[in-house]
Amino acid sequence: MGCCDAKGLMPLEQALSKLQTSVNNVCESITLALSDGLGFALAQDIQSPINVPPFNNSAMDGYAMLQADLLDATPETPITLTMVGRSFAGAPYSGELKSGQCIRIMTGAVMPNCADTIVMQENTVAEGDQIRFSKKPKFADNVRQAGEDLQQGQTVLKAGHKLTPRDIPLIASLGIAEICVFRKLKVAVISSGDELTNLGQPLSEGDIYDSNRYSIIALLSRLNVEVIDFGIIVDDLDLIREAIRSADEQADVVITSGGVSVGEADFIKDVLSELGEIGFWKLAIKPGKPFAFGKLPSSVFFGLPGNPVSAMVTLYQLAVPAMAIMAGLNTAPAIRFNAVTTDKLKKSPGRTDFQRAVYSVNKDGQLVVSTTGSQGSGVFSSMSQSNCFIVLEQDRGNVEIGETVSIEPYSALMD
């Protein structure tokens, strides 16, 4: 069996390329207090207004002196210098150091004028203000130079960078109180289907609980977007039309789950054609073939399949990278590794397959991966129990134990 069974299906790589060229940053820039900036994308480069550190300072508790005074110091012939003052963090020594003198200095304190080297206190012997040194130090030893970390005018973070807990203190160290970022992307979420029931309500015969909306919103929360929850819309053409029209007016992105297959009651695709335009529909991907992408008058549309795993896979692999571009974020390809499979994997050529799995390192230090079992698109436990996708190429068939496969560990969005 070859790729002929994927006739009419768009390859995943082509779909990703089309998404990247079809969407643009739609978010205006806003100014926020630094303390409120976590998770936002920078709209401007952050450039350092100062040197960091702003002055030469001590990396150790010890003594600051002129290295030239200790050129002849040895254990047999130690050299004694006179301590003439102290320099503490926030309370520097204001005098000028002369030859034959040293200054008691603490970590982070300003280097005294003319001093160029620090000897840590453990390598000295103090007798009152007479400090004995028995070893020649290296020039500038234990001194942090001004601008050693960051120099004034240096670009610290680039526009499009998503601010993390590691970035906030870095910006704070520059004295920057406010930052220019892109506003949150507004995302409307709609679940479609007569069979769907809200949580907490009893199930009627043939009904299921709406889990897709919860998985979608949970993942979106990691993107720092503004979610507009439209709840469940039954399979009624007029109600679906009105919900999508309203969502388009309020949001930058409209995400639906269900209603994009070929069933008689699957109206999402019809409404998309009526109100906007379809970019593509049906992909050579498993799970997730009935994925739709298009544009509405004021927003971008992603139609996710109704099966829970299919919805999560297509959201993560297709919609999220596109939304990152719309939010002004810099993007990078997913990180993948080669691993040896410990299980047989069932696969028919024709579609790129994202099988749920668990990777680990065996006793020999080898990266191995095991399937979570049933890979049905309705078996969401396969997602909950996994920590990665096994990504099987479109043309690939069954995989035997011991074969090398490509794995994609889940990012922080899914972790």
Protein backbone atom coordinates (compact mmCIF):
# COMPACT_ATOMS: atom_id res chain seq x y z
CA MET A 1 0.00 0.00 0.00
CA GLY A 2 1.43 3.40 -0.91
CA CYS A 3 0.40 7.01 -0.60
CA CYS A 4 -2.39 6.53 -3.08
CA ASP A 5 -4.75 5.98 -0.14
CA ALA A 6 -4.06 9.61 0.85
CA LYS A 7 -5.45 10.92 -2.44
CA GLY A 8 -7.12 14.27 -1.85
CA LEU A 9 -5.44 14.74 1.53
CA MET A 10 -2.96 17.59 2.02
CA PRO A 11 0.42 16.43 3.43
CA LEU A 12 1.19 17.76 6.90
CA GLU A 13 4.29 19.68 5.79
CA GLN A 14 2.31 21.48 3.11
CA ALA A 15 -0.43 22.37 5.59
CA LEU A 16 2.08 23.80 8.07
CA SER A 17 3.73 25.86 5.33
CA LYS A 18 0.36 27.19 4.20
CA LEU A 19 -0.57 28.13 7.75
CA GLN A 20 2.68 30.02 8.28
CA THR A 21 2.21 32.06 5.11
CA SER A 22 -1.51 32.67 5.64
CA VAL A 23 -1.45 34.28 9.08
CA ASN A 24 0.18 37.44 10.44
CA ASN A 25 0.63 39.15 13.77
CA VAL A 26 -2.75 40.71 14.56
CA CYS A 27 -2.07 41.97 18.09
CA GLU A 28 -1.50 45.64 18.86
CA SER A 29 1.27 46.64 21.24
CA ILE A 30 0.49 47.74 24.77
CA THR A 31 2.57 48.96 27.71
CA LEU A 32 2.57 46.92 30.91
CA ALA A 33 4.30 47.09 34.25
CA LEU A 34 7.15 44.60 34.27
CA SER A 35 5.45 42.65 37.07
CA ASP A 36 2.46 42.02 34.76
CA GLY A 37 4.49 40.96 31.72
CA LEU A 38 4.92 37.23 32.35
CA GLY A 39 3.83 35.19 29.32
CA PHE A 40 3.50 38.16 26.96
CA ALA A 41 5.46 38.56 23.72
CA LEU A 42 7.79 41.54 23.54
CA ALA A 43 6.74 44.08 20.90
CA GLN A 44 10.13 45.80 21.02
CA ASP A 45 13.71 44.75 21.68
CA ILE A 46 14.90 45.18 25.25
CA GLN A 47 18.19 47.08 25.25
CA SER A 48 20.26 47.59 28.35
CA PRO A 49 20.35 51.25 29.47
CA ILE A 50 23.26 50.49 31.81
CA ASN A 51 26.26 48.26 32.23
CA VAL A 52 25.60 45.14 34.29
CA PRO A 53 27.21 45.13 36.73
CA PRO A 54 27.32 48.96 36.70
CA PHE A 55 30.72 49.07 38.45
CA ASN A 56 33.72 46.87 39.14
CA ASN A 57 32.90 44.82 42.22
CA SER A 58 34.10 41.96 44.32
CA ALA A 59 33.16 38.34 43.65
CA MET A 60 34.50 37.27 47.05
CA ASP A 61 34.83 38.34 50.66
CA GLY A 62 38.50 39.27 50.99
CA TYR A 63 40.99 42.08 50.44
CA ALA A 64 41.42 44.47 47.50
CA MET A 65 44.91 45.64 46.60
CA LEU A 66 47.35 46.40 43.80
CA GLN A 67 48.49 43.13 42.27
CA ALA A 68 51.93 44.68 41.71
CA ASP A 69 52.43 44.81 45.49
CA LEU A 70 52.31 41.00 45.70
CA LEU A 71 54.47 39.99 42.75
CA ASP A 72 57.11 38.53 45.07
CA ALA A 73 54.80 36.92 47.61
CA THR A 74 55.53 33.25 48.40
CA PRO A 75 54.82 30.98 51.37
CA GLU A 76 58.47 31.38 52.39
CA THR A 77 58.50 35.17 51.92
CA PRO A 78 54.99 36.50 52.56
CA ILE A 79 54.22 40.17 52.02
CA THR A 80 52.30 42.25 54.53
CA LEU A 81 49.96 45.11 53.52
CA THR A 82 48.25 47.62 55.75
CA MET A 83 44.46 47.60 55.78
CA VAL A 84 43.31 51.22 55.56
CA GLY A 85 39.54 50.84 55.17
CA ARG A 86 36.52 48.74 54.30
CA SER A 87 34.17 48.45 51.31
CA PHE A 88 30.74 46.90 51.81
CA ALA A 89 27.85 46.39 49.39
CA GLY A 90 26.08 49.74 49.33
CA ALA A 91 28.82 51.42 51.37
CA PRO A 92 31.96 51.76 49.24
CA TYR A 93 35.40 52.94 50.39
CA SER A 94 35.75 56.55 49.28
CA GLY A 95 39.49 56.97 49.51
CA GLU A 96 42.22 56.15 47.02
CA LEU A 97 44.30 53.06 47.54
CA LYS A 98 48.07 53.45 47.58
CA SER A 99 50.91 50.98 47.18
CA GLY A 100 51.44 48.91 50.31
CA GLN A 101 47.81 49.20 51.34
CA CYS A 102 44.76 46.98 51.08
CA ILE A 103 41.03 47.30 51.70
CA ARG A 104 38.73 44.81 53.43
CA ILE A 105 36.01 44.12 50.87
CA MET A 106 32.80 42.08 50.83
CA THR A 107 31.05 40.30 47.98
CA GLY A 108 29.29 42.75 45.67
CA ALA A 109 31.06 45.80 47.06
CA VAL A 110 32.56 48.47 44.79
CA MET A 111 36.25 48.07 43.99
CA PRO A 112 38.25 50.91 45.60
CA ASN A 113 39.97 53.42 43.32
CA CYS A 114 43.30 52.08 42.02
CA ALA A 115 42.71 48.55 43.37
CA ASP A 116 42.83 45.90 40.64
CA THR A 117 42.83 42.49 42.37
CA ILE A 118 41.12 40.68 45.24
CA VAL A 119 42.52 37.89 47.41
CA MET A 120 39.89 35.84 49.21
CA GLN A 121 40.07 36.08 52.98
CA GLU A 122 40.80 32.35 53.41
CA ASN A 123 44.19 32.89 51.72
CA THR A 124 45.35 35.59 54.14
CA VAL A 125 46.44 35.97 57.77
CA ALA A 126 45.20 39.08 59.61
CA GLU A 127 46.92 40.57 62.65
CA GLY A 128 45.00 43.75 63.41
CA ASP A 129 45.35 45.99 60.37
CA GLN A 130 48.36 44.06 59.11
CA ILE A 131 47.33 41.51 56.46
CA ARG A 132 49.82 38.88 55.33
CA PHE A 133 49.72 37.42 51.81
CA SER A 134 51.77 34.34 50.94
CA LYS A 135 50.92 33.88 47.26
CA LYS A 136 51.00 36.06 44.16
CA PRO A 137 47.43 36.45 42.82
CA LYS A 138 46.47 36.68 39.18
CA PHE A 139 45.76 40.17 37.92
CA ALA A 140 42.04 41.10 38.39
CA ASP A 141 41.43 37.87 40.29
CA ASN A 142 37.94 37.71 41.88
CA VAL A 143 36.91 41.03 40.29
CA ARG A 144 33.64 41.35 38.38
CA GLN A 145 34.21 43.97 35.71
CA ALA A 146 31.62 46.63 34.87
CA GLY A 147 29.57 45.44 31.89
CA GLU A 148 30.89 41.90 32.29
CA ASP A 149 27.33 40.49 32.08
CA LEU A 150 25.63 43.09 29.88
CA GLN A 151 26.93 46.24 28.26
CA GLN A 152 25.06 49.50 27.88
CA GLY A 153 23.14 49.49 24.57
CA GLN A 154 23.33 45.72 24.19
CA THR A 155 20.18 43.96 22.96
CA VAL A 156 19.15 41.69 25.81
CA LEU A 157 15.89 40.21 24.50
CA LYS A 158 14.46 40.50 20.99
CA ALA A 159 10.94 41.44 19.95
CA GLY A 160 8.77 38.34 19.74
CA HIS A 161 10.34 36.70 22.78
CA LYS A 162 7.82 35.26 25.24
CA LEU A 163 8.66 36.47 28.72
CA THR A 164 9.47 33.69 31.19
CA PRO A 165 10.17 33.75 34.95
CA ARG A 166 13.86 33.83 33.99
CA ASP A 167 13.43 37.04 31.98
CA ILE A 168 11.57 39.19 34.50
CA PRO A 169 14.49 39.54 36.98
CA LEU A 170 16.89 40.09 34.08
CA ILE A 171 14.85 43.09 32.90
CA ALA A 172 14.45 44.27 36.48
CA SER A 173 18.23 44.31 36.89
CA LEU A 174 18.32 46.91 34.12
CA GLY A 175 16.01 49.23 36.05
CA ILE A 176 13.25 48.92 33.43
CA ALA A 177 9.83 49.27 35.07
CA GLU A 178 7.56 49.13 32.00
CA ILE A 179 7.71 47.02 28.85
CA CYS A 180 6.08 47.15 25.41
CA VAL A 181 4.35 43.85 24.61
CA PHE A 182 1.68 42.53 22.26
CA ARG A 183 -1.80 42.29 23.72
CA LYS A 184 -3.30 38.87 24.32
CA LEU A 185 -4.69 37.03 21.33
CA LYS A 186 -8.45 36.62 21.64
CA VAL A 187 -9.61 33.06 20.96
CA ALA A 188 -13.24 31.93 20.79
CA VAL A 189 -13.88 28.24 21.54
CA ILE A 190 -17.03 26.41 20.37
CA SER A 191 -18.02 22.78 20.87
CA SER A 192 -20.47 21.42 18.30
CA GLY A 193 -22.70 18.35 18.54
CA ASP A 194 -26.15 17.15 19.63
CA GLU A 195 -24.52 14.38 21.63
CA LEU A 196 -22.53 16.69 23.91
CA THR A 197 -23.53 17.25 27.53
CA ASN A 198 -22.13 19.80 29.98
CA LEU A 199 -20.27 18.49 32.99
CA GLY A 200 -22.41 17.92 36.06
CA GLN A 201 -25.49 17.07 34.01
CA PRO A 202 -26.87 13.51 33.66
CA LEU A 203 -26.16 11.74 30.38
CA SER A 204 -29.05 10.78 28.14
CA GLU A 205 -28.83 7.70 25.97
CA GLY A 206 -26.21 8.18 23.26
CA ASP A 207 -24.74 11.32 24.84
CA ILE A 208 -21.18 12.00 25.99
CA TYR A 209 -19.60 14.69 28.13
CA ASP A 210 -17.93 17.59 26.35
CA SER A 211 -14.23 17.05 27.10
CA ASN A 212 -12.79 18.76 24.02
CA ARG A 213 -13.58 22.26 25.21
CA TYR A 214 -11.76 21.58 28.46
CA SER A 215 -8.65 20.22 26.75
CA ILE A 216 -8.59 23.11 24.27
CA ILE A 217 -9.01 25.80 26.92
CA ALA A 218 -6.47 24.14 29.23
CA LEU A 219 -3.83 24.15 26.49
CA LEU A 220 -4.74 27.70 25.44
CA SER A 221 -4.18 28.88 29.01
CA ARG A 222 -0.50 28.02 28.58
CA LEU A 223 -0.38 30.39 25.59
CA ASN A 224 -1.47 33.39 27.66
CA VAL A 225 -4.43 34.11 25.38
CA GLU A 226 -7.84 35.55 26.21
CA VAL A 227 -10.39 32.75 25.85
CA ILE A 228 -14.02 33.43 24.96
CA ASP A 229 -15.98 30.27 25.79
CA PHE A 230 -19.10 29.84 23.64
CA GLY A 231 -19.97 26.51 25.23
CA ILE A 232 -21.85 23.80 23.34
CA ILE A 233 -23.81 24.57 20.16
CA VAL A 234 -26.18 21.85 18.97
CA ASP A 235 -26.24 20.64 15.37
CA ASP A 236 -28.50 23.35 14.04
CA LEU A 237 -27.35 25.29 10.97
CA ASP A 238 -28.82 28.62 12.10
CA LEU A 239 -27.44 28.36 15.65
CA ILE A 240 -24.00 27.39 14.39
CA ARG A 241 -24.02 30.23 11.88
CA GLU A 242 -24.95 32.75 14.55
CA ALA A 243 -22.34 31.42 17.01
CA ILE A 244 -19.54 31.59 14.45
CA ARG A 245 -20.63 35.04 13.29
CA SER A 246 -20.64 36.29 16.88
CA ALA A 247 -17.29 34.63 17.63
CA ASP A 248 -15.78 36.27 14.53
CA GLU A 249 -16.88 39.69 15.77
CA GLN A 250 -15.28 39.20 19.19
CA ALA A 251 -12.12 37.19 18.56
CA ASP A 252 -8.95 37.00 16.49
CA VAL A 253 -9.23 33.21 16.29
CA VAL A 254 -12.28 30.95 16.23
CA ILE A 255 -11.77 27.31 17.20
CA THR A 256 -14.49 24.71 16.87
CA SER A 257 -14.39 21.02 17.67
CA GLY A 258 -16.67 18.62 15.81
CA GLY A 259 -18.79 19.26 12.78
CA VAL A 260 -16.01 19.18 10.16
CA SER A 261 -16.46 15.60 8.94
CA VAL A 262 -18.79 14.51 6.16
CA GLY A 263 -21.88 13.59 8.17
CA GLU A 264 -25.30 15.01 7.38
CA ALA A 265 -25.28 17.09 10.58
CA ASP A 266 -21.73 18.42 10.23
CA PHE A 267 -22.46 22.07 9.42
CA ILE A 268 -19.23 23.80 10.41
CA LYS A 269 -17.63 23.50 6.98
CA ASP A 270 -20.79 24.78 5.28
CA VAL A 271 -20.94 27.84 7.53
CA LEU A 272 -17.24 28.54 6.98
CA SER A 273 -17.80 28.47 3.21
CA GLU A 274 -20.78 30.78 3.58
CA LEU A 275 -19.25 33.37 5.92
CA GLY A 276 -15.60 33.20 4.87
CA GLU A 277 -13.29 30.99 2.89
CA ILE A 278 -11.73 27.56 3.35
CA GLY A 279 -7.95 27.42 3.15
CA PHE A 280 -7.80 23.63 3.33
CA TRP A 281 -9.77 20.71 4.69
CA LYS A 282 -8.72 17.09 5.22
CA LEU A 283 -5.07 16.36 5.93
CA ALA A 284 -2.84 13.35 5.54
CA ILE A 285 -2.45 13.10 9.30
CA LYS A 286 -3.52 10.51 11.85
CA PRO A 287 -5.31 11.20 14.06
CA GLY A 288 -6.95 14.37 12.80
CA LYS A 289 -7.73 13.97 9.10
CA PRO A 290 -10.91 16.18 9.13
CA PHE A 291 -9.07 19.34 10.19
CA ALA A 292 -10.24 22.59 8.58
CA PHE A 293 -8.48 25.93 8.25
CA GLY A 294 -9.99 29.08 6.84
CA LYS A 295 -10.62 32.77 7.26
CA LEU A 296 -13.70 34.62 8.46
CA PRO A 297 -14.27 38.36 7.89
CA SER A 298 -12.39 39.35 11.08
CA SER A 299 -10.67 36.21 12.31
CA VAL A 300 -8.84 33.02 11.47
CA PHE A 301 -10.75 29.76 11.78
CA PHE A 302 -9.55 26.34 12.95
CA GLY A 303 -12.03 23.47 12.77
CA LEU A 304 -10.80 20.61 14.93
CA PRO A 305 -12.15 17.06 14.61
CA GLY A 306 -14.65 15.86 17.20
CA ASN A 307 -12.67 12.87 18.46
CA PRO A 308 -10.79 13.97 21.60
CA VAL A 309 -7.29 12.81 20.62
CA SER A 310 -7.71 14.16 17.09
CA ALA A 311 -8.76 17.53 18.47
CA MET A 312 -5.74 17.74 20.79
CA VAL A 313 -3.22 16.57 18.19
CA THR A 314 -4.38 19.02 15.52
CA LEU A 315 -4.63 21.88 18.00
CA TYR A 316 -1.08 21.24 19.19
CA GLN A 317 0.53 20.46 15.84
CA LEU A 318 -1.29 22.92 13.58
CA ALA A 319 -3.34 25.61 15.32
CA VAL A 320 -0.87 26.47 18.10
CA PRO A 321 2.09 27.30 15.78
CA ALA A 322 -0.19 29.50 13.68
CA MET A 323 -1.58 31.27 16.76
CA ALA A 324 1.95 31.91 17.99
CA ILE A 325 2.63 33.87 14.80
CA MET A 326 -0.65 35.77 15.24
CA ALA A 327 0.34 36.67 18.80
CA GLY A 328 3.69 38.09 17.66
CA LEU A 329 5.78 35.28 19.11
CA ASN A 330 8.99 34.02 17.58
CA THR A 331 8.54 30.39 16.54
CA ALA A 332 10.88 27.44 16.19
CA PRO A 333 10.42 23.87 14.92
CA ALA A 334 9.47 21.22 17.45
CA ILE A 335 12.41 19.36 18.97
CA ARG A 336 12.61 15.71 17.91
CA PHE A 337 14.99 12.87 18.77
CA ASN A 338 15.66 9.39 17.52
CA ALA A 339 14.71 6.55 19.86
CA VAL A 340 14.48 2.77 19.70
CA THR A 341 10.98 1.39 20.01
CA THR A 342 10.31 -1.43 22.46
CA ASP A 343 6.97 -2.30 20.83
CA LYS A 344 5.60 -3.20 17.44
CA LEU A 345 3.75 -0.24 15.95
CA LYS A 346 0.86 -0.64 13.57
CA LYS A 347 0.99 1.85 10.69
CA SER A 348 -0.40 2.02 7.16
CA PRO A 349 1.37 4.22 4.59
CA GLY A 350 -0.53 7.29 3.52
CA ARG A 351 -0.65 9.64 6.52
CA THR A 352 1.81 11.08 9.03
CA ASP A 353 0.98 9.33 12.29
CA PHE A 354 1.32 10.82 15.76
CA GLN A 355 1.23 7.87 18.14
CA ARG A 356 1.17 8.53 21.87
CA ALA A 357 4.06 7.06 23.80
CA VAL A 358 6.44 7.23 26.76
CA TYR A 359 10.14 7.79 26.24
CA SER A 360 12.86 7.02 28.78
CA VAL A 361 16.53 6.10 29.06
CA ASN A 362 17.28 2.40 29.63
CA LYS A 363 20.05 0.95 31.81
CA ASP A 364 22.49 1.15 28.87
CA GLY A 365 21.88 4.89 28.48
CA GLN A 366 19.90 4.40 25.28
CA LEU A 367 16.82 6.50 24.50
CA VAL A 368 13.87 4.12 24.12
CA VAL A 369 10.15 4.62 23.58
CA SER A 370 7.09 2.51 24.35
CA THR A 371 3.55 2.93 23.09
CA THR A 372 0.75 3.72 25.53
CA GLY A 373 -1.36 1.00 23.94
CA SER A 374 -4.53 1.56 21.94
CA GLN A 375 -4.10 4.49 19.55
CA GLY A 376 -7.76 5.08 18.76
CA SER A 377 -8.67 8.74 18.24
CA GLY A 378 -11.28 8.47 20.99
CA VAL A 379 -8.92 6.93 23.57
CA PHE A 380 -7.82 10.01 25.48
CA SER A 381 -6.06 7.97 28.14
CA SER A 382 -3.38 7.47 25.47
CA MET A 383 -2.68 11.21 25.77
CA SER A 384 -2.87 11.40 29.56
CA GLN A 385 -0.40 8.54 30.03
CA SER A 386 2.12 9.73 27.43
CA ASN A 387 5.01 12.17 27.43
CA CYS A 388 5.74 12.29 23.70
CA PHE A 389 4.55 11.56 20.20
CA ILE A 390 6.13 8.89 18.05
CA VAL A 391 6.09 10.64 14.66
CA LEU A 392 5.84 8.07 11.87
CA GLU A 393 6.47 9.41 8.39
CA GLN A 394 3.68 9.48 5.80
CA ASP A 395 5.18 6.71 3.62
CA ARG A 396 6.17 4.46 6.52
CA GLY A 397 4.43 1.18 7.28
CA ASN A 398 4.49 -1.10 10.33
CA VAL A 399 7.40 -0.75 12.74
CA GLU A 400 9.11 -3.72 14.39
CA ILE A 401 10.64 -3.90 17.86
CA GLY A 402 14.16 -2.42 17.84
CA GLU A 403 13.60 -0.05 14.93
CA THR A 404 14.58 3.60 15.23
CA VAL A 405 11.74 6.11 15.22
CA SER A 406 11.45 9.86 15.63
CA ILE A 407 9.94 11.09 18.90
CA GLU A 408 8.69 14.56 19.82
CA PRO A 409 8.68 15.17 23.58
CA TYR A 410 5.80 17.33 24.74
CA SER A 411 6.59 20.99 25.22
CA ALA A 412 5.60 22.96 28.32
CA LEU A 413 2.18 23.52 26.72
CA MET A 414 1.34 19.86 27.20
CA ASP A 415 3.47 19.01 30.20
